[in-house]
């Protein structure tokens, strides 16, 4: 507790209650002292004896008392071990939601991501001891609030190797003729203007229409008389 600096810009996560087997008033005093010395997060270990004896009402009262002692602006987390039946873990997670804790924290086990769907009131799930990339991806895909690991560099390196194996698709090579044709706009076919075809009218010539004196004649009117020519 003496290493906490009140004016430090580094956020400190302080464990309250040691192994959890302390009196509630002692835990509340530790929470008050940690807040005064600049701790930004408090991790409360729930007593294993109380969990085994199913003393859920006492656990809820204890967490409420520690939350009041921590005051506003401090992130409160309820932490428990994973070696309990899933129904017991779910019960403690719901208690943390009911007192409006910020996180319910538990080490990784198969199926722990399901707890996220039973947390309400702004309480998120924090999973620690995530040691493989497959488990990290599963927790991330399930929407876990926090993922805590001690092998972050190994996970990052393995992830980068997977990305390198995927690579980018190679560009397709195009022939020179195809590139030339694609660079030029398509030529429009020249369409000759249509002209109206008029029927050829044969001129009446003297040869086509030979002169017939009985039918082909001219006349005019002169001085009131009809004169044939």
Protein backbone atom coordinates (compact mmCIF):
# COMPACT_ATOMS: atom_id res chain seq x y z
CA UNK A 1 0.00 0.00 0.00
CA UNK A 2 2.93 2.36 0.59
CA UNK A 3 3.99 2.31 -3.08
CA UNK A 4 0.82 4.04 -4.25
CA UNK A 5 1.47 7.64 -5.24
CA UNK A 6 -1.47 9.99 -4.96
CA UNK A 7 -0.31 12.17 -7.85
CA UNK A 8 0.90 9.41 -10.14
CA UNK A 9 -0.52 9.20 -13.67
CA UNK A 10 -0.27 5.39 -13.58
CA UNK A 11 -3.53 3.67 -12.65
CA UNK A 12 -3.16 1.27 -9.72
CA UNK A 13 -5.31 -1.86 -9.25
CA UNK A 14 -5.27 -2.74 -5.55
CA UNK A 15 -6.34 -6.14 -4.15
CA UNK A 16 -8.68 -5.83 -1.18
CA UNK A 17 -8.98 -8.52 1.48
CA UNK A 18 -5.86 -10.58 0.79
CA UNK A 19 -7.10 -14.12 0.14
CA UNK A 20 -10.65 -12.99 0.95
CA UNK A 21 -10.85 -14.43 4.46
CA UNK A 22 -10.93 -11.07 6.26
CA UNK A 23 -13.72 -9.33 8.14
CA UNK A 24 -15.94 -7.00 6.08
CA UNK A 25 -14.95 -3.95 8.16
CA UNK A 26 -11.26 -4.69 7.50
CA UNK A 27 -11.92 -4.90 3.77
CA UNK A 28 -13.89 -1.64 3.87
CA UNK A 29 -10.99 0.09 5.68
CA UNK A 30 -8.52 -1.18 3.08
CA UNK A 31 -10.76 0.14 0.29
CA UNK A 32 -10.94 3.59 1.92
CA UNK A 33 -7.17 3.70 2.43
CA UNK A 34 -6.44 2.58 -1.14
CA UNK A 35 -8.74 5.25 -2.54
CA UNK A 36 -7.05 7.97 -0.48
CA UNK A 37 -3.63 6.88 -1.74
CA UNK A 38 -4.68 7.12 -5.38
CA UNK A 39 -5.84 3.62 -6.39
CA UNK A 40 -8.15 3.73 -9.41
CA UNK A 41 -9.34 0.09 -9.30
CA UNK A 42 -10.14 -2.21 -6.39
CA UNK A 43 -10.25 -5.98 -6.79
CA UNK A 44 -12.24 -7.60 -3.98
CA UNK A 45 -11.52 -11.30 -3.44
CA UNK A 46 -14.67 -13.06 -2.30
CA UNK A 47 -14.07 -15.39 0.64
CA UNK A 48 -13.99 -19.05 -0.50
CA UNK A 49 -15.55 -20.16 2.82
CA UNK A 50 -18.58 -17.95 2.19
CA UNK A 51 -18.97 -19.29 -1.37
CA UNK A 52 -18.73 -22.92 -0.23
CA UNK A 53 -21.30 -22.34 2.53
CA UNK A 54 -23.63 -20.56 0.03
CA UNK A 55 -23.74 -17.42 2.20
CA UNK A 56 -24.82 -15.30 -0.75
CA UNK A 57 -26.69 -12.70 1.33
CA UNK A 58 -23.57 -11.99 3.40
CA UNK A 59 -21.46 -11.74 0.23
CA UNK A 60 -23.86 -9.16 -1.16
CA UNK A 61 -23.81 -7.06 2.04
CA UNK A 62 -20.00 -7.20 2.14
CA UNK A 63 -19.64 -6.01 -1.46
CA UNK A 64 -22.11 -3.17 -0.85
CA UNK A 65 -20.12 -2.04 2.19
CA UNK A 66 -16.85 -2.06 0.26
CA UNK A 67 -18.46 -0.14 -2.61
CA UNK A 68 -19.65 2.61 -0.25
CA UNK A 69 -16.17 2.82 1.30
CA UNK A 70 -14.52 3.06 -2.14
CA UNK A 71 -16.73 5.97 -3.13
CA UNK A 72 -17.37 7.29 -6.62
CA UNK A 73 -14.82 7.32 -9.41
CA UNK A 74 -13.19 4.02 -8.37
CA UNK A 75 -13.57 0.88 -10.48
CA UNK A 76 -14.77 -2.02 -8.29
CA UNK A 77 -14.24 -5.65 -9.33
CA UNK A 78 -15.48 -8.82 -7.67
CA UNK A 79 -13.03 -11.73 -8.10
CA UNK A 80 -13.42 -15.45 -7.42
CA UNK A 81 -11.67 -18.71 -8.31
CA UNK A 82 -12.87 -20.92 -11.17
CA UNK A 83 -12.92 -24.27 -9.31
CA UNK A 84 -16.64 -24.07 -8.53
CA UNK A 85 -19.74 -25.38 -10.31
CA UNK A 86 -21.02 -23.12 -13.07
CA UNK A 87 -24.26 -22.43 -11.15
CA UNK A 88 -22.24 -21.10 -8.20
CA UNK A 89 -20.10 -18.89 -10.46
CA UNK A 90 -23.24 -17.56 -12.13
CA UNK A 91 -24.77 -16.71 -8.75
CA UNK A 92 -21.74 -14.64 -7.69
CA UNK A 93 -21.68 -12.91 -11.09
CA UNK A 94 -25.32 -11.88 -10.66
CA UNK A 95 -24.59 -10.52 -7.18
CA UNK A 96 -21.84 -8.31 -8.65
CA UNK A 97 -24.36 -7.05 -11.21
CA UNK A 98 -26.95 -6.29 -8.52
CA UNK A 99 -24.56 -4.08 -6.50
CA UNK A 100 -23.51 -2.28 -9.74
CA UNK A 101 -19.89 -3.41 -9.66
CA UNK A 102 -17.87 -2.43 -12.70
CA UNK A 103 -16.48 -5.91 -13.42
CA UNK A 104 -16.89 -9.51 -12.43
CA UNK A 105 -13.45 -11.12 -12.75
CA UNK A 106 -12.66 -14.83 -13.05
CA UNK A 107 -9.83 -16.95 -14.53
CA UNK A 108 -10.45 -18.53 -17.91
CA UNK A 109 -12.31 -21.83 -18.19
CA UNK A 110 -14.22 -23.46 -21.02
CA UNK A 111 -17.55 -21.69 -21.47
CA UNK A 112 -16.76 -18.70 -19.24
CA UNK A 113 -17.82 -16.31 -22.02
CA UNK A 114 -21.46 -17.28 -21.37
CA UNK A 115 -21.37 -15.28 -18.13
CA UNK A 116 -21.44 -12.08 -20.18
CA UNK A 117 -25.09 -12.59 -21.04
CA UNK A 118 -26.12 -12.72 -17.36
CA UNK A 119 -24.33 -9.51 -16.31
CA UNK A 120 -26.55 -6.43 -16.14
CA UNK A 121 -26.46 -2.91 -14.73
CA UNK A 122 -23.26 -1.92 -16.50
CA UNK A 123 -21.25 -4.77 -15.00
CA UNK A 124 -18.81 -6.26 -17.54
CA UNK A 125 -16.91 -9.54 -17.62
CA UNK A 126 -13.14 -9.70 -17.05
CA UNK A 127 -11.40 -12.98 -17.94
CA UNK A 128 -7.82 -13.53 -16.79
CA UNK A 129 -5.23 -16.23 -17.55
CA UNK A 130 -5.97 -16.26 -21.29
CA UNK A 131 -2.77 -17.83 -22.66
CA UNK A 132 -3.45 -18.87 -26.28
CA UNK A 133 -4.44 -17.04 -29.45
CA UNK A 134 -7.46 -19.31 -29.98
CA UNK A 135 -8.83 -18.48 -26.51
CA UNK A 136 -8.09 -14.79 -27.04
CA UNK A 137 -10.05 -14.76 -30.31
CA UNK A 138 -12.94 -16.60 -28.69
CA UNK A 139 -13.14 -14.13 -25.82
CA UNK A 140 -12.91 -11.20 -28.19
CA UNK A 141 -15.63 -12.59 -30.44
CA UNK A 142 -17.92 -13.18 -27.45
CA UNK A 143 -17.67 -9.51 -26.42
CA UNK A 144 -15.80 -9.95 -23.13
CA UNK A 145 -15.16 -6.58 -21.47
CA UNK A 146 -11.53 -7.25 -20.50
CA UNK A 147 -9.05 -9.96 -21.47
CA UNK A 148 -6.05 -10.35 -19.15
CA UNK A 149 -3.03 -12.40 -20.22
CA UNK A 150 0.63 -12.83 -19.29
CA UNK A 151 1.59 -13.98 -22.82
CA UNK A 152 0.56 -10.95 -24.82
CA UNK A 153 3.74 -10.88 -26.93
CA UNK A 154 3.40 -14.58 -27.87
CA UNK A 155 -0.23 -14.04 -28.86
CA UNK A 156 0.68 -10.99 -30.91
CA UNK A 157 3.53 -12.77 -32.71
CA UNK A 158 1.36 -15.77 -33.58
CA UNK A 159 -1.38 -13.49 -34.87
CA UNK A 160 1.07 -11.63 -37.10
CA UNK A 161 2.32 -14.92 -38.56
CA UNK A 162 -1.25 -15.84 -39.47
CA UNK A 163 -1.68 -12.49 -41.18
CA UNK A 164 1.52 -13.01 -43.20
CA UNK A 165 0.31 -16.41 -44.40
CA UNK A 166 -2.90 -14.91 -45.73
CA UNK A 167 -1.09 -12.31 -47.87
CA UNK A 168 -2.59 -10.24 -50.65
CA UNK A 169 -3.81 -11.57 -54.02
CA UNK A 170 -1.28 -11.10 -56.85
CA UNK A 171 -2.37 -8.70 -59.60
CA UNK A 172 -3.38 -10.37 -62.86
CA UNK A 173 -1.07 -9.78 -65.83
CA UNK A 174 -2.68 -8.41 -68.96
CA UNK A 175 -1.37 -8.83 -72.46
CA UNK A 176 0.03 -5.84 -74.33
CA UNK A 177 -2.67 -6.00 -76.99
CA UNK A 178 -5.43 -6.06 -74.37
CA UNK A 179 -3.97 -3.09 -72.53
CA UNK A 180 -3.75 -1.12 -75.77
CA UNK A 181 -7.33 -1.82 -76.66
CA UNK A 182 -8.52 -0.98 -73.15
CA UNK A 183 -6.68 2.34 -73.24
CA UNK A 184 -8.48 3.56 -76.36
CA UNK A 185 -12.15 4.41 -76.45
CA UNK A 186 -14.27 2.10 -78.61
CA UNK A 187 -14.65 3.27 -82.18
CA UNK A 188 -18.15 4.00 -83.28
CA UNK A 189 -19.17 2.48 -86.56
CA UNK A 190 -19.63 5.02 -89.23
CA UNK A 191 -23.17 4.90 -90.47
CA UNK A 192 -23.82 6.44 -93.85
CA UNK A 193 -26.83 8.68 -93.90
CA UNK A 194 -29.76 7.09 -95.52
CA UNK A 195 -31.06 8.82 -98.58
CA UNK A 196 -34.56 8.43 -99.74
CA UNK A 197 -34.65 6.48 -102.91
CA UNK A 198 -37.01 8.09 -105.30
CA UNK A 199 -38.49 6.00 -108.04
CA UNK A 200 -36.97 6.75 -111.36
CA UNK A 201 -39.53 8.35 -113.53
CA UNK A 202 -38.91 7.81 -117.13
CA UNK A 203 -39.09 11.00 -119.03
CA UNK A 204 -41.50 10.97 -121.79
CA UNK A 205 -39.51 11.48 -124.84
CA UNK A 206 -40.48 11.56 -128.35
CA UNK A 207 -39.02 8.09 -128.84
CA UNK A 208 -41.04 6.54 -125.99
CA UNK A 209 -44.21 8.29 -127.09
CA UNK A 210 -44.27 8.48 -130.85
CA UNK A 211 -46.29 11.35 -132.23
CA UNK A 212 -49.87 10.43 -133.06
CA UNK A 213 -51.62 13.16 -135.04
CA UNK A 214 -55.01 11.96 -133.88
CA UNK A 215 -54.30 12.17 -130.17
CA UNK A 216 -51.28 14.45 -129.82
CA UNK A 217 -52.24 17.95 -130.80
CA UNK A 218 -52.32 21.49 -129.43
CA UNK A 219 -54.94 24.18 -129.59
CA UNK A 220 -55.48 27.72 -128.42
CA UNK A 221 -58.15 30.35 -128.35
CA UNK A 222 -57.65 33.37 -130.55
CA UNK A 223 -60.27 36.07 -131.01
CA UNK A 224 -63.01 33.84 -129.73
CA UNK A 225 -62.02 31.00 -132.02
CA UNK A 226 -60.39 27.69 -131.17
CA UNK A 227 -57.32 27.22 -133.29
CA UNK A 228 -55.59 23.82 -133.59
CA UNK A 229 -51.84 23.65 -134.08
